[in-house]
Amino acid sequence: MIKLPTITDHEARQFLEEKKIYDEIISRITEITGAEDKLQLADYFGCTVSSVGTNLRNLVIPDDWIKKLIVEKGISPTWILHGKGNRNL
């Protein structure tokens, strides 16, 4: 039998909060790019669908995604990451 690691209630709550914040950031990114799925995100950011899937599964937002939105769309990094302040630089 395989014994799975246990997590505490605190760890579970922390993960859920991080996931909520991550989902909000992804929501802002998809709003900016107009992407409706992983394929469209991959096309916009010039990466593979597999890469997008891995990032989404691991709650990762690559730096180059943020940089591209800043440079090409003039979007404020504070707005992308926190949803606060002006959307545009």
PDB file of N, CA and C in Angstrom:
ATOM      1  N   MET A   1       0.846  -1.170   0.000  1.00  0.00           N
ATOM      2  CA  MET A   1       0.000   0.000   0.000  1.00  0.00           C
ATOM      3  C   MET A   1       0.897   1.241   0.000  1.00  0.00           C
ATOM      4  N   ILE A   2       0.483   2.230  -0.768  1.00  0.00           N
ATOM      5  CA  ILE A   2       1.222   3.489  -0.836  1.00  0.00           C
ATOM      6  C   ILE A   2       0.640   4.445   0.187  1.00  0.00           C
ATOM      7  N   LYS A   3       1.522   5.004   0.981  1.00  0.00           N
ATOM      8  CA  LYS A   3       1.071   5.971   1.977  1.00  0.00           C
ATOM      9  C   LYS A   3       1.227   7.368   1.399  1.00  0.00           C
ATOM     10  N   LEU A   4       0.120   8.078   1.281  1.00  0.00           N
ATOM     11  CA  LEU A   4       0.147   9.437   0.762  1.00  0.00           C
ATOM     12  C   LEU A   4       0.469  10.408   1.884  1.00  0.00           C
ATOM     13  N   PRO A   5       1.197  11.466   1.561  1.00  0.00           N
ATOM     14  CA  PRO A   5       1.489  12.443   2.604  1.00  0.00           C
ATOM     15  C   PRO A   5       0.207  13.154   3.040  1.00  0.00           C
ATOM     16  N   THR A   6       0.152  13.502   4.297  1.00  0.00           N
ATOM     17  CA  THR A   6      -1.012  14.227   4.796  1.00  0.00           C
ATOM     18  C   THR A   6      -0.678  15.707   4.863  1.00  0.00           C
ATOM     19  N   ILE A   7      -1.705  16.521   4.716  1.00  0.00           N
ATOM     20  CA  ILE A   7      -1.495  17.956   4.848  1.00  0.00           C
ATOM     21  C   ILE A   7      -2.378  18.469   5.974  1.00  0.00           C
ATOM     22  N   THR A   8      -1.932  19.520   6.586  1.00  0.00           N
ATOM     23  CA  THR A   8      -2.690  20.111   7.686  1.00  0.00           C
ATOM     24  C   THR A   8      -3.789  21.009   7.124  1.00  0.00           C
ATOM     25  N   ASP A   9      -4.726  21.364   7.980  1.00  0.00           N
ATOM     26  CA  ASP A   9      -5.783  22.295   7.574  1.00  0.00           C
ATOM     27  C   ASP A   9      -5.173  23.621   7.136  1.00  0.00           C
ATOM     28  N   HIS A  10      -4.146  24.060   7.835  1.00  0.00           N
ATOM     29  CA  HIS A  10      -3.471  25.314   7.475  1.00  0.00           C
ATOM     30  C   HIS A  10      -2.872  25.227   6.065  1.00  0.00           C
ATOM     31  N   GLU A  11      -2.212  24.119   5.765  1.00  0.00           N
ATOM     32  CA  GLU A  11      -1.622  23.937   4.432  1.00  0.00           C
ATOM     33  C   GLU A  11      -2.699  23.897   3.359  1.00  0.00           C
ATOM     34  N   ALA A  12      -3.807  23.264   3.658  1.00  0.00           N
ATOM     35  CA  ALA A  12      -4.911  23.201   2.700  1.00  0.00           C
ATOM     36  C   ALA A  12      -5.483  24.590   2.455  1.00  0.00           C
ATOM     37  N   ARG A  13      -5.709  25.350   3.530  1.00  0.00           N
ATOM     38  CA  ARG A  13      -6.225  26.717   3.380  1.00  0.00           C
ATOM     39  C   ARG A  13      -5.245  27.587   2.604  1.00  0.00           C
ATOM     40  N   GLN A  14      -3.942  27.437   2.892  1.00  0.00           N
ATOM     41  CA  GLN A  14      -2.921  28.218   2.195  1.00  0.00           C
ATOM     42  C   GLN A  14      -2.916  27.884   0.705  1.00  0.00           C
ATOM     43  N   PHE A  15      -3.010  26.603   0.360  1.00  0.00           N
ATOM     44  CA  PHE A  15      -3.043  26.205  -1.039  1.00  0.00           C
ATOM     45  C   PHE A  15      -4.265  26.798  -1.738  1.00  0.00           C
ATOM     46  N   LEU A  16      -5.419  26.720  -1.096  1.00  0.00           N
ATOM     47  CA  LEU A  16      -6.644  27.245  -1.704  1.00  0.00           C
ATOM     48  C   LEU A  16      -6.548  28.757  -1.923  1.00  0.00           C
ATOM     49  N   GLU A  17      -5.931  29.467  -0.992  1.00  0.00           N
ATOM     50  CA  GLU A  17      -5.757  30.914  -1.154  1.00  0.00           C
ATOM     51  C   GLU A  17      -4.800  31.202  -2.314  1.00  0.00           C
ATOM     52  N   GLU A  18      -3.693  30.457  -2.400  1.00  0.00           N
ATOM     53  CA  GLU A  18      -2.750  30.634  -3.508  1.00  0.00           C
ATOM     54  C   GLU A  18      -3.425  30.318  -4.840  1.00  0.00           C
ATOM     55  N   LYS A  19      -4.245  29.275  -4.885  1.00  0.00           N
ATOM     56  CA  LYS A  19      -4.954  28.898  -6.104  1.00  0.00           C
ATOM     57  C   LYS A  19      -5.944  29.989  -6.508  1.00  0.00           C
ATOM     58  N   LYS A  20      -6.620  30.569  -5.541  1.00  0.00           N
ATOM     59  CA  LYS A  20      -7.570  31.655  -5.822  1.00  0.00           C
ATOM     60  C   LYS A  20      -6.837  32.854  -6.429  1.00  0.00           C
ATOM     61  N   ILE A  21      -5.717  33.241  -5.843  1.00  0.00           N
ATOM     62  CA  ILE A  21      -4.926  34.363  -6.355  1.00  0.00           C
ATOM     63  C   ILE A  21      -4.420  34.035  -7.756  1.00  0.00           C
ATOM     64  N   TYR A  22      -3.919  32.834  -7.940  1.00  0.00           N
ATOM     65  CA  TYR A  22      -3.422  32.407  -9.253  1.00  0.00           C
ATOM     66  C   TYR A  22      -4.536  32.476 -10.297  1.00  0.00           C
ATOM     67  N   ASP A  23      -5.710  31.961  -9.964  1.00  0.00           N
ATOM     68  CA  ASP A  23      -6.832  31.984 -10.902  1.00  0.00           C
ATOM     69  C   ASP A  23      -7.229  33.410 -11.277  1.00  0.00           C
ATOM     70  N   GLU A  24      -7.145  34.326 -10.313  1.00  0.00           N
ATOM     71  CA  GLU A  24      -7.457  35.730 -10.599  1.00  0.00           C
ATOM     72  C   GLU A  24      -6.440  36.321 -11.579  1.00  0.00           C
ATOM     73  N   ILE A  25      -5.162  35.990 -11.400  1.00  0.00           N
ATOM     74  CA  ILE A  25      -4.119  36.475 -12.315  1.00  0.00           C
ATOM     75  C   ILE A  25      -4.343  35.904 -13.709  1.00  0.00           C
ATOM     76  N   ILE A  26      -4.601  34.612 -13.788  1.00  0.00           N
ATOM     77  CA  ILE A  26      -4.856  33.982 -15.093  1.00  0.00           C
ATOM     78  C   ILE A  26      -6.083  34.603 -15.747  1.00  0.00           C
ATOM     79  N   SER A  27      -7.083  34.918 -14.967  1.00  0.00           N
ATOM     80  CA  SER A  27      -8.286  35.555 -15.504  1.00  0.00           C
ATOM     81  C   SER A  27      -7.932  36.912 -16.127  1.00  0.00           C
ATOM     82  N   ARG A  28      -7.083  37.685 -15.461  1.00  0.00           N
ATOM     83  CA  ARG A  28      -6.671  38.980 -16.017  1.00  0.00           C
ATOM     84  C   ARG A  28      -5.838  38.777 -17.284  1.00  0.00           C
ATOM     85  N   ILE A  29      -4.981  37.765 -17.285  1.00  0.00           N
ATOM     86  CA  ILE A  29      -4.162  37.487 -18.469  1.00  0.00           C
ATOM     87  C   ILE A  29      -5.039  37.088 -19.649  1.00  0.00           C
ATOM     88  N   THR A  30      -6.029  36.251 -19.414  1.00  0.00           N
ATOM     89  CA  THR A  30      -6.902  35.842 -20.520  1.00  0.00           C
ATOM     90  C   THR A  30      -7.775  37.007 -20.990  1.00  0.00           C
ATOM     91  N   GLU A  31      -8.140  37.884 -20.079  1.00  0.00           N
ATOM     92  CA  GLU A  31      -8.883  39.091 -20.464  1.00  0.00           C
ATOM     93  C   GLU A  31      -8.047  39.961 -21.395  1.00  0.00           C
ATOM     94  N   ILE A  32      -6.780  40.155 -21.045  1.00  0.00           N
ATOM     95  CA  ILE A  32      -5.879  40.993 -21.839  1.00  0.00           C
ATOM     96  C   ILE A  32      -5.627  40.379 -23.211  1.00  0.00           C
ATOM     97  N   THR A  33      -5.360  39.079 -23.236  1.00  0.00           N
ATOM     98  CA  THR A  33      -4.979  38.418 -24.488  1.00  0.00           C
ATOM     99  C   THR A  33      -6.178  38.020 -25.334  1.00  0.00           C
ATOM    100  N   GLY A  34      -7.335  37.923 -24.715  1.00  0.00           N
ATOM    101  CA  GLY A  34      -8.514  37.446 -25.433  1.00  0.00           C
ATOM    102  C   GLY A  34      -8.517  35.938 -25.618  1.00  0.00           C
ATOM    103  N   ALA A  35      -7.558  35.266 -24.983  1.00  0.00           N
ATOM    104  CA  ALA A  35      -7.461  33.806 -25.111  1.00  0.00           C
ATOM    105  C   ALA A  35      -8.612  33.135 -24.378  1.00  0.00           C
ATOM    106  N   GLU A  36      -9.203  32.154 -25.036  1.00  0.00           N
ATOM    107  CA  GLU A  36     -10.313  31.411 -24.437  1.00  0.00           C
ATOM    108  C   GLU A  36      -9.931  30.000 -24.028  1.00  0.00           C
ATOM    109  N   ASP A  37      -8.715  29.569 -24.385  1.00  0.00           N
ATOM    110  CA  ASP A  37      -8.284  28.221 -24.021  1.00  0.00           C
ATOM    111  C   ASP A  37      -6.756  28.151 -24.038  1.00  0.00           C
ATOM    112  N   LYS A  38      -6.238  26.970 -23.698  1.00  0.00           N
ATOM    113  CA  LYS A  38      -4.787  26.770 -23.636  1.00  0.00           C
ATOM    114  C   LYS A  38      -4.123  26.985 -24.984  1.00  0.00           C
ATOM    115  N   LEU A  39      -4.767  26.558 -26.054  1.00  0.00           N
ATOM    116  CA  LEU A  39      -4.195  26.718 -27.387  1.00  0.00           C
ATOM    117  C   LEU A  39      -4.009  28.195 -27.721  1.00  0.00           C
ATOM    118  N   GLN A  40      -5.001  28.996 -27.421  1.00  0.00           N
ATOM    119  CA  GLN A  40      -4.894  30.427 -27.704  1.00  0.00           C
ATOM    120  C   GLN A  40      -3.840  31.097 -26.820  1.00  0.00           C
ATOM    121  N   LEU A  41      -3.739  30.672 -25.579  1.00  0.00           N
ATOM    122  CA  LEU A  41      -2.668  31.199 -24.715  1.00  0.00           C
ATOM    123  C   LEU A  41      -1.300  30.811 -25.279  1.00  0.00           C
ATOM    124  N   ALA A  42      -1.166  29.561 -25.690  1.00  0.00           N
ATOM    125  CA  ALA A  42       0.095  29.093 -26.263  1.00  0.00           C
ATOM    126  C   ALA A  42       0.448  29.889 -27.519  1.00  0.00           C
ATOM    127  N   ASP A  43      -0.532  30.115 -28.387  1.00  0.00           N
ATOM    128  CA  ASP A  43      -0.293  30.908 -29.602  1.00  0.00           C
ATOM    129  C   ASP A  43       0.160  32.320 -29.254  1.00  0.00           C
ATOM    130  N   TYR A  44      -0.516  32.941 -28.298  1.00  0.00           N
ATOM    131  CA  TYR A  44      -0.169  34.317 -27.936  1.00  0.00           C
ATOM    132  C   TYR A  44       1.246  34.401 -27.362  1.00  0.00           C
ATOM    133  N   PHE A  45       1.574  33.477 -26.466  1.00  0.00           N
ATOM    134  CA  PHE A  45       2.874  33.546 -25.789  1.00  0.00           C
ATOM    135  C   PHE A  45       3.981  32.801 -26.529  1.00  0.00           C
ATOM    136  N   GLY A  46       3.650  32.169 -27.641  1.00  0.00           N
ATOM    137  CA  GLY A  46       4.674  31.506 -28.442  1.00  0.00           C
ATOM    138  C   GLY A  46       5.274  30.283 -27.773  1.00  0.00           C
ATOM    139  N   CYS A  47       4.422  29.507 -27.125  1.00  0.00           N
ATOM    140  CA  CYS A  47       4.898  28.292 -26.474  1.00  0.00           C
ATOM    141  C   CYS A  47       3.955  27.148 -26.837  1.00  0.00           C
ATOM    142  N   THR A  48       4.223  25.982 -26.319  1.00  0.00           N
ATOM    143  CA  THR A  48       3.389  24.824 -26.630  1.00  0.00           C
ATOM    144  C   THR A  48       2.187  24.765 -25.689  1.00  0.00           C
ATOM    145  N   VAL A  49       1.157  24.081 -26.137  1.00  0.00           N
ATOM    146  CA  VAL A  49      -0.015  23.857 -25.299  1.00  0.00           C
ATOM    147  C   VAL A  49       0.396  23.062 -24.062  1.00  0.00           C
ATOM    148  N   SER A  50       1.302  22.128 -24.251  1.00  0.00           N
ATOM    149  CA  SER A  50       1.803  21.330 -23.136  1.00  0.00           C
ATOM    150  C   SER A  50       2.456  22.225 -22.078  1.00  0.00           C
ATOM    151  N   SER A  51       3.225  23.198 -22.520  1.00  0.00           N
ATOM    152  CA  SER A  51       3.874  24.138 -21.600  1.00  0.00           C
ATOM    153  C   SER A  51       2.831  24.941 -20.828  1.00  0.00           C
ATOM    154  N   VAL A  52       1.811  25.415 -21.523  1.00  0.00           N
ATOM    155  CA  VAL A  52       0.740  26.160 -20.857  1.00  0.00           C
ATOM    156  C   VAL A  52       0.062  25.255 -19.825  1.00  0.00           C
ATOM    157  N   GLY A  53      -0.244  24.030 -20.210  1.00  0.00           N
ATOM    158  CA  GLY A  53      -0.883  23.091 -19.294  1.00  0.00           C
ATOM    159  C   GLY A  53      -0.047  22.834 -18.053  1.00  0.00           C
ATOM    160  N   THR A  54       1.246  22.654 -18.253  1.00  0.00           N
ATOM    161  CA  THR A  54       2.154  22.428 -17.124  1.00  0.00           C
ATOM    162  C   THR A  54       2.172  23.639 -16.201  1.00  0.00           C
ATOM    163  N   ASN A  55       2.248  24.839 -16.793  1.00  0.00           N
ATOM    164  CA  ASN A  55       2.237  26.060 -15.981  1.00  0.00           C
ATOM    165  C   ASN A  55       0.945  26.183 -15.186  1.00  0.00           C
ATOM    166  N   LEU A  56      -0.180  25.934 -15.832  1.00  0.00           N
ATOM    167  CA  LEU A  56      -1.462  26.040 -15.143  1.00  0.00           C
ATOM    168  C   LEU A  56      -1.585  25.003 -14.031  1.00  0.00           C
ATOM    169  N   ARG A  57      -1.150  23.799 -14.294  1.00  0.00           N
ATOM    170  CA  ARG A  57      -1.226  22.722 -13.301  1.00  0.00           C
ATOM    171  C   ARG A  57      -0.336  23.008 -12.087  1.00  0.00           C
ATOM    172  N   ASN A  58       0.823  23.636 -12.345  1.00  0.00           N
ATOM    173  CA  ASN A  58       1.782  23.900 -11.269  1.00  0.00           C
ATOM    174  C   ASN A  58       1.667  25.304 -10.681  1.00  0.00           C
ATOM    175  N   LEU A  59       0.623  26.030 -11.093  1.00  0.00           N
ATOM    176  CA  LEU A  59       0.393  27.394 -10.604  1.00  0.00           C
ATOM    177  C   LEU A  59       1.589  28.307 -10.881  1.00  0.00           C
ATOM    178  N   VAL A  60       2.110  28.229 -12.095  1.00  0.00           N
ATOM    179  CA  VAL A  60       3.275  29.021 -12.501  1.00  0.00           C
ATOM    180  C   VAL A  60       2.856  30.031 -13.558  1.00  0.00           C
ATOM    181  N   ILE A  61       3.342  31.253 -13.407  1.00  0.00           N
ATOM    182  CA  ILE A  61       3.176  32.275 -14.438  1.00  0.00           C
ATOM    183  C   ILE A  61       4.584  32.692 -14.850  1.00  0.00           C
ATOM    184  N   PRO A  62       4.995  32.286 -16.048  1.00  0.00           N
ATOM    185  CA  PRO A  62       6.360  32.596 -16.485  1.00  0.00           C
ATOM    186  C   PRO A  62       6.607  34.104 -16.577  1.00  0.00           C
ATOM    187  N   ASP A  63       7.801  34.521 -16.199  1.00  0.00           N
ATOM    188  CA  ASP A  63       8.184  35.931 -16.282  1.00  0.00           C
ATOM    189  C   ASP A  63       8.002  36.477 -17.685  1.00  0.00           C
ATOM    190  N   ASP A  64       8.317  35.649 -18.702  1.00  0.00           N
ATOM    191  CA  ASP A  64       8.226  36.160 -20.066  1.00  0.00           C
ATOM    192  C   ASP A  64       6.785  36.462 -20.469  1.00  0.00           C
ATOM    193  N   TRP A  65       5.812  35.824 -19.850  1.00  0.00           N
ATOM    194  CA  TRP A  65       4.410  36.161 -20.122  1.00  0.00           C
ATOM    195  C   TRP A  65       4.127  37.577 -19.625  1.00  0.00           C
ATOM    196  N   ILE A  66       4.549  37.861 -18.401  1.00  0.00           N
ATOM    197  CA  ILE A  66       4.320  39.185 -17.817  1.00  0.00           C
ATOM    198  C   ILE A  66       5.050  40.247 -18.631  1.00  0.00           C
ATOM    199  N   LYS A  67       6.310  39.968 -18.973  1.00  0.00           N
ATOM    200  CA  LYS A  67       7.097  40.932 -19.764  1.00  0.00           C
ATOM    201  C   LYS A  67       6.426  41.225 -21.104  1.00  0.00           C
ATOM    202  N   LYS A  68       5.912  40.199 -21.761  1.00  0.00           N
ATOM    203  CA  LYS A  68       5.265  40.392 -23.066  1.00  0.00           C
ATOM    204  C   LYS A  68       4.028  41.276 -22.924  1.00  0.00           C
ATOM    205  N   LEU A  69       3.251  41.068 -21.878  1.00  0.00           N
ATOM    206  CA  LEU A  69       2.059  41.889 -21.667  1.00  0.00           C
ATOM    207  C   LEU A  69       2.426  43.339 -21.367  1.00  0.00           C
ATOM    208  N   ILE A  70       3.512  43.535 -20.654  1.00  0.00           N
ATOM    209  CA  ILE A  70       3.975  44.897 -20.351  1.00  0.00           C
ATOM    210  C   ILE A  70       4.448  45.583 -21.626  1.00  0.00           C
ATOM    211  N   VAL A  71       5.323  44.913 -22.361  1.00  0.00           N
ATOM    212  CA  VAL A  71       5.938  45.514 -23.543  1.00  0.00           C
ATOM    213  C   VAL A  71       4.952  45.667 -24.697  1.00  0.00           C
ATOM    214  N   GLU A  72       4.212  44.612 -25.006  1.00  0.00           N
ATOM    215  CA  GLU A  72       3.362  44.639 -26.197  1.00  0.00           C
ATOM    216  C   GLU A  72       1.987  45.264 -25.964  1.00  0.00           C
ATOM    217  N   LYS A  73       1.481  45.145 -24.756  1.00  0.00           N
ATOM    218  CA  LYS A  73       0.133  45.654 -24.492  1.00  0.00           C
ATOM    219  C   LYS A  73       0.129  46.887 -23.588  1.00  0.00           C
ATOM    220  N   GLY A  74       1.293  47.217 -22.988  1.00  0.00           N
ATOM    221  CA  GLY A  74       1.355  48.374 -22.094  1.00  0.00           C
ATOM    222  C   GLY A  74       0.562  48.194 -20.815  1.00  0.00           C
ATOM    223  N   ILE A  75       0.506  46.956 -20.343  1.00  0.00           N
ATOM    224  CA  ILE A  75      -0.276  46.644 -19.147  1.00  0.00           C
ATOM    225  C   ILE A  75       0.611  46.760 -17.907  1.00  0.00           C
ATOM    226  N   SER A  76       0.062  47.332 -16.867  1.00  0.00           N
ATOM    227  CA  SER A  76       0.781  47.490 -15.604  1.00  0.00           C
ATOM    228  C   SER A  76       1.008  46.133 -14.947  1.00  0.00           C
ATOM    229  N   PRO A  77       2.239  45.839 -14.540  1.00  0.00           N
ATOM    230  CA  PRO A  77       2.488  44.569 -13.847  1.00  0.00           C
ATOM    231  C   PRO A  77       1.735  44.480 -12.520  1.00  0.00           C
ATOM    232  N   THR A  78       1.539  45.619 -11.863  1.00  0.00           N
ATOM    233  CA  THR A  78       0.776  45.625 -10.611  1.00  0.00           C
ATOM    234  C   THR A  78      -0.661  45.203 -10.866  1.00  0.00           C
ATOM    235  N   TRP A  79      -1.229  45.694 -11.971  1.00  0.00           N
ATOM    236  CA  TRP A  79      -2.604  45.312 -12.295  1.00  0.00           C
ATOM    237  C   TRP A  79      -2.677  43.830 -12.647  1.00  0.00           C
ATOM    238  N   ILE A  80      -1.710  43.343 -13.429  1.00  0.00           N
ATOM    239  CA  ILE A  80      -1.715  41.927 -13.812  1.00  0.00           C
ATOM    240  C   ILE A  80      -1.665  41.046 -12.562  1.00  0.00           C
ATOM    241  N   LEU A  81      -0.739  41.341 -11.675  1.00  0.00           N
ATOM    242  CA  LEU A  81      -0.483  40.464 -10.531  1.00  0.00           C
ATOM    243  C   LEU A  81      -1.418  40.674  -9.352  1.00  0.00           C
ATOM    244  N   HIS A  82      -1.926  41.919  -9.190  1.00  0.00           N
ATOM    245  CA  HIS A  82      -2.727  42.205  -7.989  1.00  0.00           C
ATOM    246  C   HIS A  82      -4.124  42.747  -8.296  1.00  0.00           C
ATOM    247  N   GLY A  83      -4.361  43.137  -9.571  1.00  0.00           N
ATOM    248  CA  GLY A  83      -5.662  43.676  -9.926  1.00  0.00           C
ATOM    249  C   GLY A  83      -5.916  45.053  -9.356  1.00  0.00           C
ATOM    250  N   LYS A  84      -4.845  45.765  -9.005  1.00  0.00           N
ATOM    251  CA  LYS A  84      -4.987  47.095  -8.384  1.00  0.00           C
ATOM    252  C   LYS A  84      -4.328  48.160  -9.238  1.00  0.00           C
ATOM    253  N   GLY A  85      -4.835  49.364  -9.103  1.00  0.00           N
ATOM    254  CA  GLY A  85      -4.267  50.483  -9.847  1.00  0.00           C
ATOM    255  C   GLY A  85      -4.774  50.507 -11.284  1.00  0.00           C
ATOM    256  N   ASN A  86      -4.141  51.346 -12.074  1.00  0.00           N
ATOM    257  CA  ASN A  86      -4.499  51.458 -13.484  1.00  0.00           C
ATOM    258  C   ASN A  86      -4.084  50.201 -14.246  1.00  0.00           C
ATOM    259  N   ARG A  87      -4.939  49.793 -15.154  1.00  0.00           N
ATOM    260  CA  ARG A  87      -4.622  48.623 -15.996  1.00  0.00           C
ATOM    261  C   ARG A  87      -3.448  48.942 -16.911  1.00  0.00           C
ATOM    262  N   ASN A  88      -3.445  50.120 -17.492  1.00  0.00           N
ATOM    263  CA  ASN A  88      -2.395  50.491 -18.442  1.00  0.00           C
ATOM    264  C   ASN A  88      -1.313  51.316 -17.775  1.00  0.00           C
ATOM    265  N   LEU A  89      -0.124  51.183 -18.313  1.00  0.00           N
ATOM    266  CA  LEU A  89       1.005  51.965 -17.787  1.00  0.00           C
ATOM    267  C   LEU A  89       0.828  53.423 -18.112  1.00  0.00           C
TER     268      LEU A  89
END
